[in-house]
Amino acid sequence: MRVRTCAATLMISVAITARASGAGAPVSLDAIEFPERTSVTVPFAATPAAPDRAFLEASVKVKEGQAAVELSFKRMAPALLFGGDVTSYVVWTVTRDGLAENVGELWVRDDSGSSTVASGQKMFAMMVTAETHPFVRKPSDLVIFASRKTDASRARNTPITFSAFAAGGRRATGTIAGMSYRDKQPVEVAQATKVLQIAEAMGGTEVAPQALAEARTNLAQAANTASVGSTKLMVDYARRALAKAGEAIRAVERREAERAVAEAEAKRQKEIAEAAAKALSAEENVRQAEEAQKEAEQARQKTTVALNVSEETRSQLAADTARMAEEASRLNRDKALLEANQKRLQAERDALAARLQGALAKVAEVRSSGRGLILSLSSGILFDVNRSALKPAARVTLAKLAGILLMLPDVNLRVEGYTDASGKPGVNQKLSKGRADAVAAFLAVQGVAEARMKSEGYGSENPVAPNETAAGKARNRRVEVVLAEGEIRPAMLAK
């Protein structure tokens, strides 16, 4: 590894920081609709936070709904130069509606190099940010590169603005322009060391002790191999340590998400119980008032038929009647309030269903049915041809689905696999069942309880499009996830 000298010292960090963009400032990007099976060159613009004359360019090729992105950079420097908690560069795809997805790390150990990432989107912009670790779920405002429009004739450009940044970690400077890495410790070891410290500070030792123990072992191996000059082994051990520290970080984040879901559910159940108690109390008050009103009417009738009723008795009867009328009026108000609360609870349930459908729509095509909400996932995105093993990019989509399901513990799901009509029925049924099982197994690994899930394969049965065309066959090759509370009926197969 080359050791570089620093062209600017921290003595002038005030001037350097002034060149960085403001925290949370919107970033202008260009979303590109990439044509199928055509390589498209995407240029990037460096922000003031980047190294001097830093250059980044991407080559994007979409094949069968999967975008492969090859990134090439020059005159770069490690993200560690930002200081504080910053360790890594992360590549993000940004959809036209503002959804940012972490598609991988831009690994910089020399001033020139390349990285390969992938996305399941076909239209997106890209940006590169500096982060505390490569596994963050939302971009910080420390943007290094922003994609620009392409000159490719078949690609359509759409300008967009992105501003949904998360609060970034501590940083010593807002720009590394004019700086270079001069630490004697290899970049890979320094990066893994800092990410391991972050994982420990988050509570990773309690949640994922084995992962952190293995990370410490790998980090020690990296330091030892570096001291004897074995660069290849050093890099391998350091990257292993980084990955295992990331595993602990994700485990901590899952625990926090589960706690948030549990707290929200406990609050919801408390509100429901309180509303039910108020409803019962109001109903009891109405019943008591009706009985009292009947008794008052009976008393009035007996009083009026008496021939020698005194004036004092008549006055008392009038007062009792007025009191009963006021009580009836109060109970009518309570009844109206109860009805309003019931309407509000129904509106909240309807809004929750709408938000669920909206969240699922960002993962894949979703529709309502008599069995519940149906999420349709194309097999071309999830699996290779005639295979039931998930593609790496499919795990990103299914991880998003798992995150939504973890927020809704009362919702059950039924995973159903289908094929087109090509091939033998027995082979098709076995393939569709294997694919449905693979999706359910991955969701279980992500934390979705197995008791909530059922999976089945139906082969070429129940097609959603004619099997006489390639487009129709592609639509029939799918995995559908049916979401509903309670028992979910199996698919009604076409005869």
Protein backbone atom coordinates (compact mmCIF):
# COMPACT_ATOMS: atom_id res chain seq x y z
CA MET A 1 0.00 0.00 0.00
CA ARG A 2 1.28 3.48 -0.93
CA VAL A 3 1.65 5.99 1.95
CA ARG A 4 0.74 9.53 0.92
CA THR A 5 1.77 12.87 2.43
CA CYS A 6 -0.88 15.35 3.55
CA ALA A 7 -1.00 18.51 1.43
CA ALA A 8 -3.12 20.41 3.97
CA THR A 9 -2.98 20.20 7.78
CA LEU A 10 -5.70 20.43 10.36
CA MET A 11 -4.31 23.90 11.22
CA ILE A 12 -6.36 25.21 8.30
CA SER A 13 -9.45 23.08 8.95
CA VAL A 14 -11.64 26.18 9.34
CA ALA A 15 -10.98 27.17 5.73
CA ILE A 16 -11.46 23.58 4.57
CA THR A 17 -14.79 23.19 6.40
CA ALA A 18 -16.10 26.34 4.75
CA ARG A 19 -15.93 24.54 1.39
CA ALA A 20 -18.36 21.78 2.49
CA SER A 21 -22.04 21.92 1.53
CA GLY A 22 -24.53 22.88 4.24
CA ALA A 23 -25.94 20.13 6.44
CA GLY A 24 -29.09 18.66 4.94
CA ALA A 25 -28.97 20.89 1.84
CA PRO A 26 -30.92 19.37 -1.10
CA VAL A 27 -28.81 17.65 -3.76
CA SER A 28 -29.63 17.89 -7.48
CA LEU A 29 -29.45 14.54 -9.30
CA ASP A 30 -30.42 13.14 -12.68
CA ALA A 31 -32.53 9.96 -12.70
CA ILE A 32 -31.94 7.83 -15.80
CA GLU A 33 -34.31 5.27 -17.33
CA PHE A 34 -31.86 2.59 -18.49
CA PRO A 35 -32.68 0.59 -21.64
CA GLU A 36 -32.52 -3.22 -21.55
CA ARG A 37 -29.20 -4.90 -22.50
CA THR A 38 -27.45 -1.62 -23.34
CA SER A 39 -24.40 -0.25 -21.51
CA VAL A 40 -24.91 3.37 -20.46
CA THR A 41 -22.12 5.64 -19.19
CA VAL A 42 -23.17 7.82 -16.24
CA PRO A 43 -20.96 10.81 -15.27
CA PHE A 44 -20.72 12.13 -11.69
CA ALA A 45 -20.09 15.64 -10.33
CA ALA A 46 -17.80 15.90 -7.30
CA THR A 47 -18.96 18.11 -4.40
CA PRO A 48 -16.62 20.46 -2.48
CA ALA A 49 -16.30 17.71 0.15
CA ALA A 50 -14.43 15.42 -2.30
CA PRO A 51 -10.65 15.25 -2.83
CA ASP A 52 -9.11 17.68 -5.34
CA ARG A 53 -9.88 16.70 -8.98
CA ALA A 54 -11.66 13.52 -7.79
CA PHE A 55 -13.30 11.64 -10.67
CA LEU A 56 -16.09 9.02 -10.71
CA GLU A 57 -17.89 7.39 -13.62
CA ALA A 58 -20.32 4.45 -13.84
CA SER A 59 -21.21 1.96 -16.54
CA VAL A 60 -24.77 0.64 -16.08
CA LYS A 61 -26.31 -2.32 -17.91
CA VAL A 62 -29.82 -3.65 -17.24
CA LYS A 63 -30.44 -7.30 -18.04
CA GLU A 64 -33.69 -9.12 -17.18
CA GLY A 65 -34.69 -6.39 -14.73
CA GLN A 66 -31.35 -6.37 -12.87
CA ALA A 67 -29.02 -3.36 -13.16
CA ALA A 68 -25.26 -4.10 -12.92
CA VAL A 69 -23.24 -0.97 -12.05
CA GLU A 70 -19.46 -0.81 -12.61
CA LEU A 71 -17.93 2.27 -10.89
CA SER A 72 -14.46 3.61 -11.77
CA PHE A 73 -12.71 6.34 -9.77
CA LYS A 74 -9.49 8.36 -9.89
CA ARG A 75 -7.68 10.73 -7.53
CA MET A 76 -9.68 9.55 -4.50
CA ALA A 77 -8.67 9.32 -0.83
CA PRO A 78 -10.04 7.15 2.01
CA ALA A 79 -13.14 8.35 3.88
CA LEU A 80 -11.17 8.01 7.12
CA LEU A 81 -9.67 11.45 6.38
CA PHE A 82 -12.96 13.07 7.45
CA GLY A 83 -12.12 11.98 11.00
CA GLY A 84 -14.62 11.45 13.81
CA ASP A 85 -16.82 8.42 13.19
CA VAL A 86 -16.59 8.49 9.37
CA THR A 87 -15.08 5.30 7.88
CA SER A 88 -16.60 4.46 4.51
CA TYR A 89 -18.08 5.58 1.20
CA VAL A 90 -21.54 4.20 0.35
CA VAL A 91 -23.17 4.08 -3.11
CA TRP A 92 -26.90 4.93 -3.21
CA THR A 93 -29.52 4.57 -5.92
CA VAL A 94 -32.32 7.17 -5.70
CA THR A 95 -35.67 6.57 -7.42
CA ARG A 96 -37.65 9.35 -9.03
CA ASP A 97 -40.00 9.47 -6.01
CA GLY A 98 -37.07 9.96 -3.59
CA LEU A 99 -36.44 6.44 -2.24
CA ALA A 100 -32.70 5.97 -1.47
CA GLU A 101 -31.25 2.42 -1.37
CA ASN A 102 -27.80 1.40 -0.09
CA VAL A 103 -26.43 -0.81 -2.90
CA GLY A 104 -22.91 -1.29 -1.57
CA GLU A 105 -19.60 0.24 -0.54
CA LEU A 106 -17.29 2.24 -2.81
CA TRP A 107 -14.10 0.69 -1.46
CA VAL A 108 -11.14 3.08 -1.74
CA ARG A 109 -7.69 1.83 -0.72
CA ASP A 110 -5.72 3.46 -3.57
CA ASP A 111 -6.35 6.71 -5.39
CA SER A 112 -7.67 4.82 -8.44
CA GLY A 113 -9.83 1.73 -8.62
CA SER A 114 -13.28 0.29 -9.28
CA SER A 115 -16.27 -1.26 -7.51
CA THR A 116 -19.29 -3.24 -8.71
CA VAL A 117 -22.81 -2.94 -7.24
CA ALA A 118 -26.29 -4.00 -8.37
CA SER A 119 -29.87 -2.76 -8.16
CA GLY A 120 -33.30 -4.17 -8.93
CA GLN A 121 -34.46 -0.77 -10.24
CA LYS A 122 -34.52 0.22 -13.92
CA MET A 123 -34.76 4.00 -13.44
CA PHE A 124 -32.66 5.73 -10.81
CA ALA A 125 -30.09 8.40 -9.98
CA MET A 126 -26.94 7.71 -7.96
CA MET A 127 -24.86 9.43 -5.31
CA VAL A 128 -21.93 8.58 -3.03
CA THR A 129 -21.82 9.66 0.63
CA ALA A 130 -19.32 9.33 3.48
CA GLU A 131 -20.76 7.28 6.36
CA THR A 132 -19.92 5.85 9.78
CA HIS A 133 -20.04 2.32 8.34
CA PRO A 134 -21.00 0.66 5.02
CA PHE A 135 -24.29 -0.78 6.37
CA VAL A 136 -26.28 2.43 7.05
CA ARG A 137 -29.93 2.43 5.94
CA LYS A 138 -30.25 6.17 5.17
CA PRO A 139 -27.72 8.54 3.56
CA SER A 140 -25.95 11.24 5.56
CA ASP A 141 -25.65 14.81 4.26
CA LEU A 142 -21.89 14.35 3.57
CA VAL A 143 -22.33 13.89 -0.21
CA ILE A 144 -19.15 13.24 -2.22
CA PHE A 145 -20.50 12.58 -5.73
CA ALA A 146 -23.88 13.18 -7.44
CA SER A 147 -24.86 11.58 -10.76
CA ARG A 148 -25.51 13.73 -13.82
CA LYS A 149 -27.42 13.19 -17.06
CA THR A 150 -26.09 10.76 -19.64
CA ASP A 151 -25.58 11.41 -23.34
CA ALA A 152 -26.74 7.91 -24.29
CA SER A 153 -29.36 8.18 -27.03
CA ARG A 154 -31.75 5.50 -25.71
CA ALA A 155 -31.61 6.59 -22.04
CA ARG A 156 -34.10 9.16 -20.76
CA ASN A 157 -32.92 11.75 -18.15
CA THR A 158 -35.16 13.26 -15.45
CA PRO A 159 -33.82 15.92 -13.02
CA ILE A 160 -34.73 15.25 -9.37
CA THR A 161 -33.88 16.74 -5.97
CA PHE A 162 -33.05 14.65 -2.88
CA SER A 163 -33.15 16.05 0.67
CA ALA A 164 -34.17 13.12 2.93
CA PHE A 165 -30.79 12.87 4.67
CA ALA A 166 -30.15 11.32 8.07
CA ALA A 167 -28.01 13.01 10.69
CA GLY A 168 -24.42 12.05 9.88
CA GLY A 169 -21.89 10.82 12.40
CA ARG A 170 -19.23 12.99 14.04
CA ARG A 171 -16.66 14.34 11.57
CA ALA A 172 -13.53 16.41 12.12
CA THR A 173 -13.86 18.23 8.79
CA GLY A 174 -16.47 18.76 6.11
CA THR A 175 -14.06 18.30 3.18
CA ILE A 176 -10.90 16.35 2.39
CA ALA A 177 -9.89 18.52 -0.56
CA GLY A 178 -6.10 18.89 -0.50
CA MET A 179 -5.65 15.99 1.97
CA SER A 180 -4.19 12.50 1.56
CA TYR A 181 -3.82 9.44 3.80
CA ARG A 182 -0.47 9.28 5.59
CA ASP A 183 -1.17 7.02 8.57
CA LYS A 184 1.19 4.04 8.85
CA GLN A 185 -1.78 1.79 9.67
CA PRO A 186 -3.28 0.26 6.48
CA VAL A 187 -6.62 1.78 5.42
CA GLU A 188 -8.41 -1.57 5.68
CA VAL A 189 -7.24 -2.17 9.27
CA ALA A 190 -8.05 1.39 10.36
CA GLN A 191 -11.53 1.18 8.82
CA ALA A 192 -12.34 -2.21 10.40
CA THR A 193 -11.03 -1.04 13.78
CA LYS A 194 -13.28 2.01 13.83
CA VAL A 195 -16.40 0.13 12.66
CA LEU A 196 -15.74 -2.51 15.35
CA GLN A 197 -15.58 0.27 17.98
CA ILE A 198 -18.88 1.69 16.68
CA ALA A 199 -20.53 -1.75 16.91
CA GLU A 200 -19.31 -2.17 20.51
CA ALA A 201 -20.53 1.33 21.48
CA MET A 202 -24.00 0.50 20.08
CA GLY A 203 -24.28 -2.56 22.36
CA GLY A 204 -23.25 -5.20 19.85
CA THR A 205 -21.37 -7.23 22.51
CA GLU A 206 -24.68 -7.92 24.27
CA VAL A 207 -26.73 -8.64 21.14
CA ALA A 208 -24.21 -10.43 18.89
CA PRO A 209 -21.25 -11.50 21.05
CA GLN A 210 -20.06 -14.27 18.68
CA ALA A 211 -19.97 -11.96 15.64
CA LEU A 212 -17.92 -9.36 17.53
CA ALA A 213 -15.59 -11.99 18.96
CA GLU A 214 -14.91 -13.27 15.44
CA ALA A 215 -14.45 -9.67 14.22
CA ARG A 216 -11.80 -9.04 16.91
CA THR A 217 -9.99 -12.24 15.93
CA ASN A 218 -10.00 -11.32 12.23
CA LEU A 219 -8.80 -7.80 13.05
CA ALA A 220 -5.87 -9.19 15.06
CA GLN A 221 -5.03 -11.50 12.13
CA ALA A 222 -5.12 -8.52 9.76
CA ALA A 223 -2.72 -6.54 11.96
CA ASN A 224 -0.35 -9.51 12.23
CA THR A 225 -0.28 -10.20 8.49
CA ALA A 226 0.24 -6.47 7.81
CA SER A 227 3.30 -6.45 10.05
CA VAL A 228 4.92 -9.23 8.00
CA GLY A 229 4.06 -7.61 4.67
CA SER A 230 1.32 -10.00 3.48
CA THR A 231 -1.01 -7.43 1.88
CA LYS A 232 -3.46 -9.88 0.31
CA LEU A 233 -4.10 -11.74 3.58
CA MET A 234 -4.25 -8.46 5.52
CA VAL A 235 -6.98 -7.14 3.23
CA ASP A 236 -8.95 -10.39 3.46
CA TYR A 237 -8.85 -10.50 7.27
CA ALA A 238 -9.69 -6.81 7.59
CA ARG A 239 -12.71 -7.11 5.28
CA ARG A 240 -13.89 -10.18 7.23
CA ALA A 241 -13.65 -8.18 10.47
CA LEU A 242 -15.62 -5.33 8.87
CA ALA A 243 -18.37 -7.70 7.67
CA LYS A 244 -18.77 -9.32 11.10
CA ALA A 245 -18.87 -5.95 12.86
CA GLY A 246 -21.59 -5.01 10.36
CA GLU A 247 -23.49 -8.18 11.31
CA ALA A 248 -23.47 -7.02 14.95
CA ILE A 249 -24.62 -3.52 13.96
CA ARG A 250 -27.57 -4.95 12.01
CA ALA A 251 -28.47 -7.19 14.96
CA VAL A 252 -28.56 -4.14 17.28
CA GLU A 253 -30.72 -2.23 14.78
CA ARG A 254 -33.13 -5.19 14.52
CA ARG A 255 -33.43 -5.31 18.31
CA GLU A 256 -34.16 -1.60 18.49
CA ALA A 257 -36.76 -1.92 15.71
CA GLU A 258 -38.43 -4.82 17.55
CA ARG A 259 -38.51 -2.77 20.75
CA ALA A 260 -40.10 0.15 18.91
CA VAL A 261 -42.72 -2.16 17.40
CA ALA A 262 -43.46 -3.72 20.82
CA GLU A 263 -43.81 -0.30 22.45
CA ALA A 264 -46.09 0.95 19.68
CA GLU A 265 -48.24 -2.19 19.93
CA ALA A 266 -48.47 -1.89 23.73
CA LYS A 267 -49.56 1.73 23.37
CA ARG A 268 -52.15 0.76 20.75
CA GLN A 269 -53.56 -2.05 22.93
CA LYS A 270 -53.79 0.35 25.91
CA GLU A 271 -55.70 2.89 23.84
CA ILE A 272 -58.08 0.18 22.58
CA ALA A 273 -58.70 -1.05 26.14
CA GLU A 274 -59.34 2.49 27.40
CA ALA A 275 -61.75 3.19 24.52
CA ALA A 276 -63.58 -0.09 25.18
CA ALA A 277 -63.88 0.71 28.88
CA LYS A 278 -65.31 4.15 28.08
CA ALA A 279 -67.76 2.60 25.64
CA LEU A 280 -68.99 0.10 28.23
CA SER A 281 -69.33 2.85 30.83
CA ALA A 282 -71.32 5.04 28.42
CA GLU A 283 -73.63 2.17 27.50
CA GLU A 284 -74.27 1.41 31.17
CA ASN A 285 -75.06 5.09 31.82
CA VAL A 286 -77.53 5.10 28.92
CA ARG A 287 -79.26 1.99 30.28
CA GLN A 288 -79.51 3.45 33.78
CA ALA A 289 -80.88 6.73 32.38
CA GLU A 290 -83.54 4.93 30.35
CA GLU A 291 -84.63 2.99 33.42
CA ALA A 292 -84.72 6.17 35.50
CA GLN A 293 -86.74 7.92 32.80
CA LYS A 294 -89.31 5.08 32.80
CA GLU A 295 -89.59 5.25 36.59
CA ALA A 296 -90.06 9.03 36.43
CA GLU A 297 -92.82 8.68 33.83
CA GLN A 298 -94.60 6.11 35.97
CA ALA A 299 -94.33 8.36 39.01
CA ARG A 300 -95.68 11.32 37.00
CA GLN A 301 -98.69 9.33 35.85
CA LYS A 302 -99.51 8.20 39.39
CA THR A 303 -99.19 11.74 40.65
CA THR A 304 -101.40 13.34 38.00
CA VAL A 305 -104.25 10.84 38.58
CA ALA A 306 -104.37 11.62 42.27
CA LEU A 307 -107.33 13.90 43.01
CA ASN A 308 -105.87 15.77 45.99
CA VAL A 309 -102.30 16.53 44.89
CA SER A 310 -100.79 19.41 46.82
CA GLU A 311 -99.02 22.31 45.13
CA GLU A 312 -95.83 21.30 46.85
CA THR A 313 -96.11 17.80 45.40
CA ARG A 314 -96.74 19.17 41.88
CA SER A 315 -93.68 21.45 42.17
CA GLN A 316 -91.52 18.53 43.25
CA LEU A 317 -92.82 16.48 40.30
CA ALA A 318 -91.90 19.28 37.87
CA ALA A 319 -88.41 19.51 39.34
CA ASP A 320 -87.94 15.74 39.06
CA THR A 321 -89.13 15.83 35.47
CA ALA A 322 -86.67 18.64 34.60
CA ARG A 323 -83.87 16.75 36.29
CA MET A 324 -84.68 13.59 34.34
CA ALA A 325 -84.81 15.58 31.08
CA GLU A 326 -81.37 17.03 31.80
CA GLU A 327 -80.03 13.55 32.60
CA ALA A 328 -81.48 12.22 29.33
CA SER A 329 -79.84 15.10 27.44
CA ARG A 330 -76.47 14.34 29.05
CA LEU A 331 -76.76 10.67 28.18
CA ASN A 332 -77.59 11.54 24.57
CA ARG A 333 -74.38 13.59 24.43
CA ASP A 334 -72.43 10.61 25.85
CA LYS A 335 -74.00 8.37 23.22
CA ALA A 336 -72.99 10.78 20.42
CA LEU A 337 -69.42 10.90 21.79
CA LEU A 338 -69.28 7.08 21.84
CA GLU A 339 -70.38 6.94 18.20
CA ALA A 340 -67.74 9.54 17.25
CA ASN A 341 -65.01 7.48 18.99
CA GLN A 342 -66.12 4.35 17.15
CA LYS A 343 -65.94 6.19 13.80
CA ARG A 344 -62.46 7.49 14.70
CA LEU A 345 -61.21 3.97 15.51
CA GLN A 346 -62.58 2.71 12.18
CA ALA A 347 -60.87 5.58 10.34
CA GLU A 348 -57.56 4.73 12.06
CA ARG A 349 -57.88 1.06 10.97
CA ASP A 350 -58.63 2.16 7.38
CA ALA A 351 -55.64 4.54 7.41
CA LEU A 352 -53.38 1.74 8.71
CA ALA A 353 -54.52 -0.54 5.85
CA ALA A 354 -53.83 2.25 3.33
CA ARG A 355 -50.33 2.87 4.76
CA LEU A 356 -49.59 -0.89 4.61
CA GLN A 357 -50.62 -1.04 0.95
CA GLY A 358 -48.55 2.09 0.23
CA ALA A 359 -45.45 0.65 1.94
CA LEU A 360 -45.82 -2.67 0.07
CA ALA A 361 -46.22 -0.83 -3.25
CA LYS A 362 -42.65 0.49 -2.85
CA VAL A 363 -41.39 -3.13 -2.70
CA ALA A 364 -43.35 -4.64 -5.63
CA GLU A 365 -46.72 -4.65 -7.42
CA VAL A 366 -49.57 -5.01 -4.87
CA ARG A 367 -53.33 -5.53 -5.28
CA SER A 368 -56.31 -6.19 -3.03
CA SER A 369 -58.24 -9.47 -3.15
CA GLY A 370 -60.82 -11.41 -1.19
CA ARG A 371 -57.98 -13.28 0.50
CA GLY A 372 -56.09 -10.09 1.50
CA LEU A 373 -53.32 -7.94 -0.03
CA ILE A 374 -51.32 -9.78 -2.73
CA LEU A 375 -47.67 -8.75 -3.39
CA SER A 376 -46.49 -10.07 -6.81
CA LEU A 377 -42.71 -10.60 -7.27
CA SER A 378 -41.29 -11.48 -10.69
CA SER A 379 -39.25 -14.70 -10.68
CA GLY A 380 -36.86 -13.06 -13.15
CA ILE A 381 -35.81 -10.61 -10.41
CA LEU A 382 -35.69 -13.22 -7.61
CA PHE A 383 -34.14 -16.29 -9.30
CA ASP A 384 -31.98 -17.42 -12.16
CA VAL A 385 -33.68 -19.53 -14.88
CA ASN A 386 -34.79 -22.98 -13.58
CA ARG A 387 -33.20 -22.23 -10.16
CA SER A 388 -34.74 -21.83 -6.73
CA ALA A 389 -31.78 -20.09 -5.04
CA LEU A 390 -32.35 -16.37 -4.43
CA LYS A 391 -30.26 -13.85 -6.38
CA PRO A 392 -28.18 -11.47 -4.19
CA ALA A 393 -30.23 -8.46 -5.30
CA ALA A 394 -33.48 -10.27 -4.44
CA ARG A 395 -32.38 -10.28 -0.81
CA VAL A 396 -32.56 -6.47 -0.76
CA THR A 397 -36.20 -6.50 -1.93
CA LEU A 398 -37.17 -9.29 0.48
CA ALA A 399 -35.32 -7.56 3.36
CA LYS A 400 -37.53 -4.49 2.78
CA LEU A 401 -40.63 -6.73 2.88
CA ALA A 402 -39.38 -8.35 6.10
CA GLY A 403 -38.89 -4.91 7.67
CA ILE A 404 -42.54 -4.06 6.93
CA LEU A 405 -43.77 -7.44 8.29
CA LEU A 406 -41.80 -6.99 11.53
CA MET A 407 -43.77 -3.78 12.12
CA LEU A 408 -47.06 -5.75 11.74
CA PRO A 409 -46.85 -8.85 13.97
CA ASP A 410 -50.60 -9.64 13.62
CA VAL A 411 -50.41 -10.05 9.82
CA ASN A 412 -49.92 -13.60 8.46
CA LEU A 413 -48.60 -14.44 4.99
CA ARG A 414 -48.89 -17.23 2.42
CA VAL A 415 -46.06 -17.54 -0.14
CA GLU A 416 -47.21 -19.10 -3.45
CA GLY A 417 -44.90 -19.97 -6.37
CA TYR A 418 -45.94 -20.20 -10.04
CA THR A 419 -44.24 -21.01 -13.36
CA ASP A 420 -45.22 -20.64 -17.00
CA ALA A 421 -46.60 -23.59 -19.01
CA SER A 422 -43.21 -24.57 -20.49
CA GLY A 423 -41.76 -27.91 -19.37
CA LYS A 424 -43.27 -30.88 -17.58
CA PRO A 425 -45.97 -30.29 -14.94
CA GLY A 426 -44.13 -32.26 -12.29
CA VAL A 427 -40.91 -30.30 -12.80
CA ASN A 428 -42.82 -27.00 -12.79
CA GLN A 429 -44.60 -27.86 -9.53
CA LYS A 430 -41.34 -28.81 -7.81
CA LEU A 431 -39.58 -25.62 -9.05
CA SER A 432 -42.46 -23.35 -7.93
CA LYS A 433 -42.55 -25.02 -4.48
CA GLY A 434 -38.77 -24.62 -4.10
CA ARG A 435 -38.97 -20.92 -4.95
CA ALA A 436 -41.84 -20.29 -2.54
CA ASP A 437 -39.91 -22.13 0.21
CA ALA A 438 -36.76 -20.05 -0.54
CA VAL A 439 -38.66 -16.77 -0.11
CA ALA A 440 -40.29 -17.97 3.14
CA ALA A 441 -36.93 -19.20 4.48
CA PHE A 442 -35.24 -15.86 3.76
CA LEU A 443 -38.06 -13.94 5.50
CA ALA A 444 -37.66 -16.27 8.51
CA VAL A 445 -33.91 -15.47 8.65
CA GLN A 446 -34.83 -11.77 8.66
CA GLY A 447 -36.92 -12.29 11.82
CA VAL A 448 -40.42 -13.05 10.48
CA ALA A 449 -41.89 -15.81 12.68
CA GLU A 450 -42.30 -19.13 10.84
CA ALA A 451 -45.66 -19.66 12.57
CA ARG A 452 -47.00 -16.70 10.55
CA MET A 453 -46.04 -18.20 7.17
CA LYS A 454 -47.14 -20.98 4.83
CA SER A 455 -45.63 -21.71 1.40
CA GLU A 456 -46.87 -23.74 -1.57
CA GLY A 457 -46.06 -24.21 -5.27
CA TYR A 458 -48.70 -24.44 -7.99
CA GLY A 459 -46.56 -24.86 -11.10
CA SER A 460 -48.24 -23.45 -14.20
CA GLU A 461 -51.72 -23.42 -12.61
CA ASN A 462 -53.68 -20.19 -12.16
CA PRO A 463 -51.92 -18.10 -14.89
CA VAL A 464 -52.35 -14.31 -14.90
CA ALA A 465 -51.52 -13.92 -18.63
CA PRO A 466 -51.60 -16.07 -21.81
CA ASN A 467 -48.69 -18.53 -22.09
CA GLU A 468 -48.47 -18.10 -25.89
CA THR A 469 -46.20 -15.02 -25.71
CA ALA A 470 -42.84 -14.32 -24.02
CA ALA A 471 -44.36 -11.38 -22.12
CA GLY A 472 -47.23 -13.54 -20.87
CA LYS A 473 -44.86 -16.29 -19.74
CA ALA A 474 -42.71 -13.72 -17.88
CA ARG A 475 -45.79 -12.50 -15.98
CA ASN A 476 -46.79 -16.07 -15.07
CA ARG A 477 -43.30 -16.79 -13.63
CA ARG A 478 -43.84 -15.17 -10.26
CA VAL A 479 -43.97 -15.55 -6.49
CA GLU A 480 -47.04 -14.08 -4.80
CA VAL A 481 -47.12 -13.18 -1.08
CA VAL A 482 -50.67 -12.97 0.33
CA LEU A 483 -50.96 -10.83 3.50
CA ALA A 484 -53.96 -10.92 5.88
CA GLU A 485 -54.92 -11.41 9.51
CA GLY A 486 -55.99 -14.89 10.58
CA GLU A 487 -56.07 -17.99 8.36
CA ILE A 488 -55.39 -17.31 4.64
CA ARG A 489 -57.27 -19.51 2.13
CA PRO A 490 -55.17 -21.36 -0.52
CA ALA A 491 -55.31 -20.05 -4.11
CA MET A 492 -58.37 -21.11 -6.11
CA LEU A 493 -56.62 -22.88 -8.97
CA ALA A 494 -57.91 -22.48 -12.54
CA LYS A 495 -59.45 -25.68 -13.98
